[in-house]
């Protein structure tokens, strides 16, 4: 069985491209923390692996529109190893995760705060996010009836 589940943060913004047939493909790197072992706990430096992720079709477009560097996500997919011939004639191998499902993690406020101002400025209708009410019994900003999807 070839199944991979990873949780981490985007190391860079997703790059969305389209194939000649019009299929969307998004690529990005996911920084996944390693557990501290006795060996690296002595120097106090946390370590991370940077895993290349590829997603296709509608999921690629969703990632391109909603994720930015620093977004916390969970990716489910499969490991893929492919090869190609480089310009110098050598054979190169690429190991990547082909994502089939992505869960957005963290609170909505954290996801909004991880977006940089350039992203917000490039989207019409997005401005500064409203402050979220704090205190007992507070569950976020009030919702108008027009915002309810049912």
C-alpha atoms as a PDB file:
ATOM      1  CA  UNK A   1       0.000   0.000   0.000  1.00  0.00           C
ATOM      2  CA  UNK A   2       1.316   3.431  -0.939  1.00  0.00           C
ATOM      3  CA  UNK A   3      -0.249   6.018   1.401  1.00  0.00           C
ATOM      4  CA  UNK A   4       1.327   9.125   2.885  1.00  0.00           C
ATOM      5  CA  UNK A   5      -0.119  11.496   5.497  1.00  0.00           C
ATOM      6  CA  UNK A   6       1.884  14.624   6.321  1.00  0.00           C
ATOM      7  CA  UNK A   7       1.186  17.627   8.542  1.00  0.00           C
ATOM      8  CA  UNK A   8       3.256  20.779   8.259  1.00  0.00           C
ATOM      9  CA  UNK A   9       3.535  24.322   6.946  1.00  0.00           C
ATOM     10  CA  UNK A  10       4.060  25.547   3.405  1.00  0.00           C
ATOM     11  CA  UNK A  11       7.669  26.533   2.818  1.00  0.00           C
ATOM     12  CA  UNK A  12       6.688  28.624  -0.216  1.00  0.00           C
ATOM     13  CA  UNK A  13       3.565  29.810  -2.007  1.00  0.00           C
ATOM     14  CA  UNK A  14       1.950  27.214  -4.296  1.00  0.00           C
ATOM     15  CA  UNK A  15       2.876  27.545  -7.959  1.00  0.00           C
ATOM     16  CA  UNK A  16      -0.107  26.785 -10.208  1.00  0.00           C
ATOM     17  CA  UNK A  17       0.389  25.947 -13.873  1.00  0.00           C
ATOM     18  CA  UNK A  18      -1.787  24.448 -16.583  1.00  0.00           C
ATOM     19  CA  UNK A  19      -0.927  21.582 -18.907  1.00  0.00           C
ATOM     20  CA  UNK A  20      -1.509  21.885 -22.656  1.00  0.00           C
ATOM     21  CA  UNK A  21      -4.790  20.012 -22.189  1.00  0.00           C
ATOM     22  CA  UNK A  22      -5.918  22.568 -19.567  1.00  0.00           C
ATOM     23  CA  UNK A  23      -5.414  20.513 -16.383  1.00  0.00           C
ATOM     24  CA  UNK A  24      -4.303  22.567 -13.373  1.00  0.00           C
ATOM     25  CA  UNK A  25      -1.257  21.392 -11.416  1.00  0.00           C
ATOM     26  CA  UNK A  26       0.077  23.034  -8.252  1.00  0.00           C
ATOM     27  CA  UNK A  27       3.449  22.409  -6.647  1.00  0.00           C
ATOM     28  CA  UNK A  28       4.779  23.510  -3.279  1.00  0.00           C
ATOM     29  CA  UNK A  29       7.084  22.365  -0.494  1.00  0.00           C
ATOM     30  CA  UNK A  30       5.785  21.276   2.889  1.00  0.00           C
ATOM     31  CA  UNK A  31       8.027  21.749   5.938  1.00  0.00           C
ATOM     32  CA  UNK A  32       7.415  18.765   8.230  1.00  0.00           C
ATOM     33  CA  UNK A  33       9.027  18.829  11.680  1.00  0.00           C
ATOM     34  CA  UNK A  34      10.943  15.824  12.912  1.00  0.00           C
ATOM     35  CA  UNK A  35      10.611  14.616  16.461  1.00  0.00           C
ATOM     36  CA  UNK A  36      13.473  15.594  18.707  1.00  0.00           C
ATOM     37  CA  UNK A  37      15.830  12.695  19.313  1.00  0.00           C
ATOM     38  CA  UNK A  38      18.502  12.385  21.944  1.00  0.00           C
ATOM     39  CA  UNK A  39      21.127  13.223  19.323  1.00  0.00           C
ATOM     40  CA  UNK A  40      19.683  16.529  18.130  1.00  0.00           C
ATOM     41  CA  UNK A  41      18.084  17.483  21.474  1.00  0.00           C
ATOM     42  CA  UNK A  42      21.546  18.235  22.832  1.00  0.00           C
ATOM     43  CA  UNK A  43      22.113  21.079  20.366  1.00  0.00           C
ATOM     44  CA  UNK A  44      18.528  22.332  20.756  1.00  0.00           C
ATOM     45  CA  UNK A  45      17.970  22.709  17.017  1.00  0.00           C
ATOM     46  CA  UNK A  46      14.656  21.419  15.684  1.00  0.00           C
ATOM     47  CA  UNK A  47      14.919  19.766  12.295  1.00  0.00           C
ATOM     48  CA  UNK A  48      12.455  19.613   9.434  1.00  0.00           C
ATOM     49  CA  UNK A  49      12.135  17.844   6.123  1.00  0.00           C
ATOM     50  CA  UNK A  50      10.998  19.808   3.091  1.00  0.00           C
ATOM     51  CA  UNK A  51       8.744  17.512   1.084  1.00  0.00           C
ATOM     52  CA  UNK A  52       7.747  18.412  -2.492  1.00  0.00           C
ATOM     53  CA  UNK A  53       3.957  18.153  -2.976  1.00  0.00           C
ATOM     54  CA  UNK A  54       2.038  17.997  -6.281  1.00  0.00           C
ATOM     55  CA  UNK A  55      -1.761  18.312  -6.577  1.00  0.00           C
ATOM     56  CA  UNK A  56      -3.928  18.239  -9.704  1.00  0.00           C
ATOM     57  CA  UNK A  57      -7.188  19.602 -11.123  1.00  0.00           C
ATOM     58  CA  UNK A  58      -9.664  21.401  -8.816  1.00  0.00           C
ATOM     59  CA  UNK A  59      -7.540  20.713  -5.723  1.00  0.00           C
ATOM     60  CA  UNK A  60      -4.627  22.513  -7.431  1.00  0.00           C
ATOM     61  CA  UNK A  61      -6.794  25.574  -8.046  1.00  0.00           C
ATOM     62  CA  UNK A  62      -8.068  25.535  -4.446  1.00  0.00           C
ATOM     63  CA  UNK A  63      -4.488  25.405  -3.154  1.00  0.00           C
ATOM     64  CA  UNK A  64      -3.396  28.230  -5.441  1.00  0.00           C
ATOM     65  CA  UNK A  65      -6.291  30.439  -4.327  1.00  0.00           C
ATOM     66  CA  UNK A  66      -6.247  29.721  -0.577  1.00  0.00           C
ATOM     67  CA  UNK A  67      -2.754  28.737   0.562  1.00  0.00           C
ATOM     68  CA  UNK A  68       0.293  30.913   1.119  1.00  0.00           C
ATOM     69  CA  UNK A  69       3.718  30.415   2.634  1.00  0.00           C
ATOM     70  CA  UNK A  70       3.290  29.481   6.303  1.00  0.00           C
ATOM     71  CA  UNK A  71      -0.191  27.949   5.921  1.00  0.00           C
ATOM     72  CA  UNK A  72      -0.622  24.895   8.134  1.00  0.00           C
ATOM     73  CA  UNK A  73      -2.111  21.897   6.287  1.00  0.00           C
ATOM     74  CA  UNK A  74      -2.493  18.135   6.383  1.00  0.00           C
ATOM     75  CA  UNK A  75      -1.835  16.317   3.096  1.00  0.00           C
ATOM     76  CA  UNK A  76      -2.986  12.806   2.250  1.00  0.00           C
ATOM     77  CA  UNK A  77      -1.691  11.152  -0.899  1.00  0.00           C
ATOM     78  CA  UNK A  78       0.841   8.750  -2.341  1.00  0.00           C
ATOM     79  CA  UNK A  79       4.614   8.741  -2.767  1.00  0.00           C
ATOM     80  CA  UNK A  80       5.823   8.911  -6.355  1.00  0.00           C
ATOM     81  CA  UNK A  81       9.297   8.462  -7.797  1.00  0.00           C
ATOM     82  CA  UNK A  82       9.773   9.540 -11.390  1.00  0.00           C
ATOM     83  CA  UNK A  83      12.784  10.057 -13.622  1.00  0.00           C
ATOM     84  CA  UNK A  84      13.667  12.301 -16.531  1.00  0.00           C
ATOM     85  CA  UNK A  85      16.688  12.997 -18.731  1.00  0.00           C
ATOM     86  CA  UNK A  86      18.440  16.267 -17.919  1.00  0.00           C
ATOM     87  CA  UNK A  87      19.821  18.606 -20.581  1.00  0.00           C
ATOM     88  CA  UNK A  88      23.333  17.282 -19.920  1.00  0.00           C
ATOM     89  CA  UNK A  89      22.129  13.740 -20.761  1.00  0.00           C
ATOM     90  CA  UNK A  90      22.151  12.411 -17.189  1.00  0.00           C
ATOM     91  CA  UNK A  91      19.145  10.671 -15.681  1.00  0.00           C
ATOM     92  CA  UNK A  92      17.535  12.521 -12.751  1.00  0.00           C
ATOM     93  CA  UNK A  93      15.152  11.095 -10.171  1.00  0.00           C
ATOM     94  CA  UNK A  94      12.451  13.040  -8.338  1.00  0.00           C
ATOM     95  CA  UNK A  95      10.619  11.834  -5.234  1.00  0.00           C
ATOM     96  CA  UNK A  96       7.409  13.703  -4.419  1.00  0.00           C
ATOM     97  CA  UNK A  97       4.015  13.271  -2.785  1.00  0.00           C
ATOM     98  CA  UNK A  98       0.997  13.405  -5.087  1.00  0.00           C
ATOM     99  CA  UNK A  99      -1.736  14.850  -2.872  1.00  0.00           C
ATOM    100  CA  UNK A 100      -5.287  13.547  -3.142  1.00  0.00           C
ATOM    101  CA  UNK A 101      -6.794  15.338  -0.119  1.00  0.00           C
ATOM    102  CA  UNK A 102      -5.771  18.473   1.795  1.00  0.00           C
ATOM    103  CA  UNK A 103      -7.135  19.649   5.138  1.00  0.00           C
ATOM    104  CA  UNK A 104      -6.613  23.256   6.209  1.00  0.00           C
ATOM    105  CA  UNK A 105      -5.356  23.324   9.800  1.00  0.00           C
ATOM    106  CA  UNK A 106      -5.150  26.084  12.373  1.00  0.00           C
ATOM    107  CA  UNK A 107      -7.847  28.620  13.066  1.00  0.00           C
ATOM    108  CA  UNK A 108      -9.276  30.818  10.343  1.00  0.00           C
ATOM    109  CA  UNK A 109      -7.615  33.816  12.004  1.00  0.00           C
ATOM    110  CA  UNK A 110      -4.220  32.088  11.813  1.00  0.00           C
ATOM    111  CA  UNK A 111      -4.797  31.267   8.137  1.00  0.00           C
ATOM    112  CA  UNK A 112      -5.791  34.876   7.417  1.00  0.00           C
ATOM    113  CA  UNK A 113      -2.802  36.238   9.333  1.00  0.00           C
ATOM    114  CA  UNK A 114      -0.387  33.990   7.405  1.00  0.00           C
ATOM    115  CA  UNK A 115      -1.485  35.661   4.168  1.00  0.00           C
ATOM    116  CA  UNK A 116       0.787  38.533   3.227  1.00  0.00           C
ATOM    117  CA  UNK A 117      -0.514  41.938   2.180  1.00  0.00           C
ATOM    118  CA  UNK A 118       0.310  41.297  -1.493  1.00  0.00           C
ATOM    119  CA  UNK A 119      -2.093  38.350  -1.532  1.00  0.00           C
ATOM    120  CA  UNK A 120      -4.872  40.374   0.085  1.00  0.00           C
ATOM    121  CA  UNK A 121      -4.253  43.295  -2.252  1.00  0.00           C
ATOM    122  CA  UNK A 122      -4.457  41.044  -5.325  1.00  0.00           C
ATOM    123  CA  UNK A 123      -7.925  39.733  -4.386  1.00  0.00           C
ATOM    124  CA  UNK A 124     -10.847  42.091  -5.041  1.00  0.00           C
ATOM    125  CA  UNK A 125     -13.059  42.664  -2.042  1.00  0.00           C
ATOM    126  CA  UNK A 126     -10.496  41.549   0.542  1.00  0.00           C
ATOM    127  CA  UNK A 127      -9.311  44.148   2.954  1.00  0.00           C
ATOM    128  CA  UNK A 128      -8.085  44.085   6.502  1.00  0.00           C
ATOM    129  CA  UNK A 129      -9.733  41.286   8.435  1.00  0.00           C
ATOM    130  CA  UNK A 130     -12.177  42.290  11.135  1.00  0.00           C
ATOM    131  CA  UNK A 131     -11.056  41.751  14.723  1.00  0.00           C
ATOM    132  CA  UNK A 132     -12.397  38.578  16.272  1.00  0.00           C
ATOM    133  CA  UNK A 133     -14.308  39.146  19.517  1.00  0.00           C
ATOM    134  CA  UNK A 134     -12.641  37.671  22.599  1.00  0.00           C
ATOM    135  CA  UNK A 135     -14.109  36.539  25.886  1.00  0.00           C
ATOM    136  CA  UNK A 136     -16.409  33.906  27.300  1.00  0.00           C
ATOM    137  CA  UNK A 137     -19.150  32.715  24.972  1.00  0.00           C
ATOM    138  CA  UNK A 138     -17.560  34.396  21.949  1.00  0.00           C
ATOM    139  CA  UNK A 139     -17.243  32.234  18.853  1.00  0.00           C
ATOM    140  CA  UNK A 140     -16.004  34.782  16.343  1.00  0.00           C
ATOM    141  CA  UNK A 141     -17.480  37.561  14.260  1.00  0.00           C
ATOM    142  CA  UNK A 142     -21.272  37.809  13.949  1.00  0.00           C
ATOM    143  CA  UNK A 143     -22.802  36.072  10.926  1.00  0.00           C
ATOM    144  CA  UNK A 144     -25.452  37.708   8.781  1.00  0.00           C
ATOM    145  CA  UNK A 145     -28.308  35.533   7.478  1.00  0.00           C
ATOM    146  CA  UNK A 146     -27.007  36.030   3.924  1.00  0.00           C
ATOM    147  CA  UNK A 147     -23.741  34.291   4.957  1.00  0.00           C
ATOM    148  CA  UNK A 148     -25.448  31.032   5.971  1.00  0.00           C
ATOM    149  CA  UNK A 149     -25.091  28.492   3.134  1.00  0.00           C
ATOM    150  CA  UNK A 150     -28.395  26.656   3.722  1.00  0.00           C
END
